[in-house]
Amino acid sequence: MNQPVMAVTLTAAARNKPRAEVEQQLIADMALVNATLEPHEKIAKCVVLKDAWSMTTA
């Protein structure tokens, strides 16, 4: 898998939206973040997690 990876959990509102809409917004958000990063820092993938991430669930 390409790195760096952005791991996200969706809000309840986002979980109720059509998948395509959520996907487009995540891609747009990733592009906004990537525009501020150095080439080696740019996010390559976005992974949507089912449960909230923490050190104990990693």
Protein backbone atom coordinates (compact mmCIF):
# COMPACT_ATOMS: atom_id res chain seq x y z
CA MET A 1 0.00 0.00 0.00
CA ASN A 2 1.25 3.48 -0.83
CA GLN A 3 2.01 5.72 2.11
CA PRO A 4 1.21 8.03 3.86
CA VAL A 5 -2.33 6.83 4.54
CA MET A 6 -5.19 8.89 6.00
CA ALA A 7 -7.42 6.85 8.31
CA VAL A 8 -10.87 8.32 8.95
CA THR A 9 -14.07 7.42 10.72
CA LEU A 10 -17.33 8.83 9.41
CA THR A 11 -19.81 10.88 11.40
CA ALA A 12 -23.35 9.58 11.72
CA ALA A 13 -24.45 12.16 9.16
CA ALA A 14 -21.80 11.03 6.68
CA ARG A 15 -22.76 7.37 7.15
CA ASN A 16 -26.30 8.28 6.06
CA LYS A 17 -25.18 9.99 2.83
CA PRO A 18 -24.74 8.19 -0.49
CA ARG A 19 -21.34 6.51 -0.77
CA ALA A 20 -20.43 8.47 -3.91
CA GLU A 21 -21.06 11.78 -2.16
CA VAL A 22 -18.91 10.83 0.83
CA GLU A 23 -16.18 9.52 -1.46
CA GLN A 24 -16.11 12.75 -3.48
CA GLN A 25 -15.88 14.84 -0.30
CA LEU A 26 -13.06 12.72 1.12
CA ILE A 27 -11.12 13.03 -2.15
CA ALA A 28 -11.66 16.80 -2.12
CA ASP A 29 -10.54 17.05 1.52
CA MET A 30 -7.46 14.95 0.76
CA ALA A 31 -6.59 17.23 -2.17
CA LEU A 32 -6.89 20.31 0.06
CA VAL A 33 -4.56 18.80 2.65
CA ASN A 34 -2.12 17.55 0.01
CA ALA A 35 -1.87 21.06 -1.46
CA THR A 36 -0.20 22.17 1.78
CA LEU A 37 2.25 19.27 2.08
CA GLU A 38 5.72 18.51 0.78
CA PRO A 39 5.81 15.81 -1.94
CA HIS A 40 7.06 13.12 0.45
CA GLU A 41 4.27 13.98 2.94
CA LYS A 42 1.34 13.79 0.52
CA ILE A 43 -1.47 11.41 1.41
CA ALA A 44 -1.66 8.54 -1.06
CA LYS A 45 -4.74 6.69 0.23
CA CYS A 46 -7.76 7.33 2.40
CA VAL A 47 -9.02 4.39 4.45
CA VAL A 48 -12.45 4.60 6.06
CA LEU A 49 -12.51 2.71 9.34
CA LYS A 50 -15.61 1.02 10.70
CA ASP A 51 -14.71 1.80 14.32
CA ALA A 52 -12.85 4.69 15.88
CA TRP A 53 -9.08 4.18 15.84
CA SER A 54 -7.05 4.22 19.02
CA MET A 55 -3.79 2.77 20.24
CA THR A 56 -5.70 -0.14 21.79
CA THR A 57 -7.61 -0.98 18.58
CA ALA A 58 -4.65 -0.56 16.24
